[in-house]
Amino acid sequence: MEKRGNQEVLVKHLIENNVSLQKASLNLMDSMNTLTKRIDKLVSIFEEASKHITDVELSDERLKNLASKLEGLLDQNKEIARGLILLEQYIRSKSDVKQFSERPVAEFKL
């Protein structure tokens, strides 16, 4: 009798932990989406700044250096954005696989 009670408590804790894990995964995905959007905005700002700098006469050596540094930052930000998108896709695919692989919990009859 006591063994059944322990099993029920264990099953209840496992279910609660699974739900908590799914909530944490969802929060992580939302945070990743927000971060990706912000980085995309940052990349847009760098692209716009780069266009404005190239429109200005580049006779000054400092402007040339600044333009090359901005282009480097733009490339780095594109790589970061790609990495974040791949990470988000990986997390989504793992959470989808996890949801499908879960089996329903059998009910215990007393």
C-alpha atoms as a PDB file:
ATOM      1  CA  MET A   1       0.000   0.000   0.000  1.00  0.00           C
ATOM      2  CA  GLU A   2       2.757   2.401   0.946  1.00  0.00           C
ATOM      3  CA  LYS A   3       4.665   1.445  -2.200  1.00  0.00           C
ATOM      4  CA  ARG A   4       1.773   2.600  -4.386  1.00  0.00           C
ATOM      5  CA  GLY A   5       1.665   5.899  -2.559  1.00  0.00           C
ATOM      6  CA  ASN A   6       5.393   6.387  -3.135  1.00  0.00           C
ATOM      7  CA  GLN A   7       4.989   5.526  -6.806  1.00  0.00           C
ATOM      8  CA  GLU A   8       2.145   7.997  -7.180  1.00  0.00           C
ATOM      9  CA  VAL A   9       4.185  10.726  -5.519  1.00  0.00           C
ATOM     10  CA  LEU A  10       7.134   9.890  -7.774  1.00  0.00           C
ATOM     11  CA  VAL A  11       4.960   9.998 -10.893  1.00  0.00           C
ATOM     12  CA  LYS A  12       3.475  13.307  -9.754  1.00  0.00           C
ATOM     13  CA  HIS A  13       6.955  14.786  -9.247  1.00  0.00           C
ATOM     14  CA  LEU A  14       8.117  13.524 -12.632  1.00  0.00           C
ATOM     15  CA  ILE A  15       5.118  15.103 -14.335  1.00  0.00           C
ATOM     16  CA  GLU A  16       5.685  18.405 -12.513  1.00  0.00           C
ATOM     17  CA  ASN A  17       9.369  18.378 -13.468  1.00  0.00           C
ATOM     18  CA  ASN A  18       8.510  17.653 -17.094  1.00  0.00           C
ATOM     19  CA  VAL A  19       6.028  20.538 -17.198  1.00  0.00           C
ATOM     20  CA  SER A  20       8.592  22.852 -15.589  1.00  0.00           C
ATOM     21  CA  LEU A  21      11.204  21.803 -18.133  1.00  0.00           C
ATOM     22  CA  GLN A  22       8.820  22.479 -21.005  1.00  0.00           C
ATOM     23  CA  LYS A  23       8.034  25.931 -19.582  1.00  0.00           C
ATOM     24  CA  ALA A  24      11.748  26.681 -19.266  1.00  0.00           C
ATOM     25  CA  SER A  25      12.312  25.551 -22.871  1.00  0.00           C
ATOM     26  CA  LEU A  26       9.494  27.796 -24.042  1.00  0.00           C
ATOM     27  CA  ASN A  27      10.932  30.759 -22.133  1.00  0.00           C
ATOM     28  CA  LEU A  28      14.349  30.060 -23.650  1.00  0.00           C
ATOM     29  CA  MET A  29      12.882  29.996 -27.160  1.00  0.00           C
ATOM     30  CA  ASP A  30      11.058  33.280 -26.536  1.00  0.00           C
ATOM     31  CA  SER A  31      14.262  34.853 -25.263  1.00  0.00           C
ATOM     32  CA  MET A  32      16.139  33.570 -28.304  1.00  0.00           C
ATOM     33  CA  ASN A  33      13.507  35.068 -30.607  1.00  0.00           C
ATOM     34  CA  THR A  34      13.784  38.422 -28.840  1.00  0.00           C
ATOM     35  CA  LEU A  35      17.575  38.326 -28.988  1.00  0.00           C
ATOM     36  CA  THR A  36      17.518  37.406 -32.681  1.00  0.00           C
ATOM     37  CA  LYS A  37      15.201  40.330 -33.449  1.00  0.00           C
ATOM     38  CA  ARG A  38      17.427  42.739 -31.536  1.00  0.00           C
ATOM     39  CA  ILE A  39      20.551  41.512 -33.290  1.00  0.00           C
ATOM     40  CA  ASP A  40      18.751  41.850 -36.618  1.00  0.00           C
ATOM     41  CA  LYS A  41      17.963  45.481 -35.754  1.00  0.00           C
ATOM     42  CA  LEU A  42      21.603  46.008 -34.777  1.00  0.00           C
ATOM     43  CA  VAL A  43      22.757  44.532 -38.088  1.00  0.00           C
ATOM     44  CA  SER A  44      20.378  46.885 -39.908  1.00  0.00           C
ATOM     45  CA  ILE A  45      21.858  49.845 -38.048  1.00  0.00           C
ATOM     46  CA  PHE A  46      25.382  48.775 -38.995  1.00  0.00           C
ATOM     47  CA  GLU A  47      24.339  48.282 -42.624  1.00  0.00           C
ATOM     48  CA  GLU A  48      22.785  51.736 -42.717  1.00  0.00           C
ATOM     49  CA  ALA A  49      25.853  53.289 -41.090  1.00  0.00           C
ATOM     50  CA  SER A  50      28.092  51.524 -43.583  1.00  0.00           C
ATOM     51  CA  LYS A  51      26.027  52.845 -46.505  1.00  0.00           C
ATOM     52  CA  HIS A  52      26.172  56.388 -45.146  1.00  0.00           C
ATOM     53  CA  ILE A  53      29.914  56.193 -44.663  1.00  0.00           C
ATOM     54  CA  THR A  54      30.482  54.916 -48.187  1.00  0.00           C
ATOM     55  CA  ASP A  55      28.353  57.794 -49.485  1.00  0.00           C
ATOM     56  CA  VAL A  56      30.657  60.290 -47.793  1.00  0.00           C
ATOM     57  CA  GLU A  57      33.908  61.118 -49.519  1.00  0.00           C
ATOM     58  CA  LEU A  58      36.458  58.599 -48.271  1.00  0.00           C
ATOM     59  CA  SER A  59      39.550  60.728 -48.730  1.00  0.00           C
ATOM     60  CA  ASP A  60      40.175  60.870 -45.018  1.00  0.00           C
ATOM     61  CA  GLU A  61      42.132  57.840 -43.784  1.00  0.00           C
ATOM     62  CA  ARG A  62      40.153  57.684 -40.544  1.00  0.00           C
ATOM     63  CA  LEU A  63      36.899  57.327 -42.447  1.00  0.00           C
ATOM     64  CA  LYS A  64      38.387  54.492 -44.486  1.00  0.00           C
ATOM     65  CA  ASN A  65      39.477  52.708 -41.319  1.00  0.00           C
ATOM     66  CA  LEU A  66      36.072  53.259 -39.744  1.00  0.00           C
ATOM     67  CA  ALA A  67      34.312  51.929 -42.834  1.00  0.00           C
ATOM     68  CA  SER A  68      36.437  48.784 -42.877  1.00  0.00           C
ATOM     69  CA  LYS A  69      35.860  48.238 -39.155  1.00  0.00           C
ATOM     70  CA  LEU A  70      32.102  48.680 -39.609  1.00  0.00           C
ATOM     71  CA  GLU A  71      32.129  46.184 -42.449  1.00  0.00           C
ATOM     72  CA  GLY A  72      33.996  43.739 -40.219  1.00  0.00           C
ATOM     73  CA  LEU A  73      31.463  44.261 -37.437  1.00  0.00           C
ATOM     74  CA  LEU A  74      28.653  43.779 -39.927  1.00  0.00           C
ATOM     75  CA  ASP A  75      30.131  40.449 -41.032  1.00  0.00           C
ATOM     76  CA  GLN A  76      30.589  39.373 -37.413  1.00  0.00           C
ATOM     77  CA  ASN A  77      27.009  40.313 -36.557  1.00  0.00           C
ATOM     78  CA  LYS A  78      25.722  38.365 -39.548  1.00  0.00           C
ATOM     79  CA  GLU A  79      27.632  35.298 -38.338  1.00  0.00           C
ATOM     80  CA  ILE A  80      26.260  35.746 -34.816  1.00  0.00           C
ATOM     81  CA  ALA A  81      22.723  36.092 -36.174  1.00  0.00           C
ATOM     82  CA  ARG A  82      23.158  32.930 -38.266  1.00  0.00           C
ATOM     83  CA  GLY A  83      24.468  31.074 -35.226  1.00  0.00           C
ATOM     84  CA  LEU A  84      21.543  32.209 -33.095  1.00  0.00           C
ATOM     85  CA  ILE A  85      19.068  31.157 -35.753  1.00  0.00           C
ATOM     86  CA  LEU A  86      20.714  27.726 -35.989  1.00  0.00           C
ATOM     87  CA  LEU A  87      20.687  27.428 -32.192  1.00  0.00           C
ATOM     88  CA  GLU A  88      17.007  28.345 -32.069  1.00  0.00           C
ATOM     89  CA  GLN A  89      16.187  25.780 -34.771  1.00  0.00           C
ATOM     90  CA  TYR A  90      18.169  23.146 -32.874  1.00  0.00           C
ATOM     91  CA  ILE A  91      16.314  23.896 -29.636  1.00  0.00           C
ATOM     92  CA  ARG A  92      12.960  23.817 -31.395  1.00  0.00           C
ATOM     93  CA  SER A  93      13.755  20.513 -33.095  1.00  0.00           C
ATOM     94  CA  LYS A  94      14.910  18.952 -29.813  1.00  0.00           C
ATOM     95  CA  SER A  95      11.796  20.125 -27.965  1.00  0.00           C
ATOM     96  CA  ASP A  96       9.564  18.818 -30.779  1.00  0.00           C
ATOM     97  CA  VAL A  97      11.314  15.443 -30.723  1.00  0.00           C
ATOM     98  CA  LYS A  98      11.063  15.322 -26.937  1.00  0.00           C
ATOM     99  CA  GLN A  99       7.320  16.019 -27.008  1.00  0.00           C
ATOM    100  CA  PHE A 100       6.695  13.250 -29.531  1.00  0.00           C
ATOM    101  CA  SER A 101       8.854  10.730 -27.697  1.00  0.00           C
ATOM    102  CA  GLU A 102       7.045  11.144 -24.394  1.00  0.00           C
ATOM    103  CA  ARG A 103       4.634   8.390 -23.497  1.00  0.00           C
ATOM    104  CA  PRO A 104       1.417   9.002 -21.612  1.00  0.00           C
ATOM    105  CA  VAL A 105       1.591   8.074 -17.963  1.00  0.00           C
ATOM    106  CA  ALA A 106      -0.441   4.991 -17.071  1.00  0.00           C
ATOM    107  CA  GLU A 107      -3.069   5.576 -14.430  1.00  0.00           C
ATOM    108  CA  PHE A 108      -2.770   3.689 -11.165  1.00  0.00           C
ATOM    109  CA  LYS A 109      -5.945   2.179  -9.811  1.00  0.00           C
ATOM    110  CA  LEU A 110      -6.306   1.830  -6.097  1.00  0.00           C
END
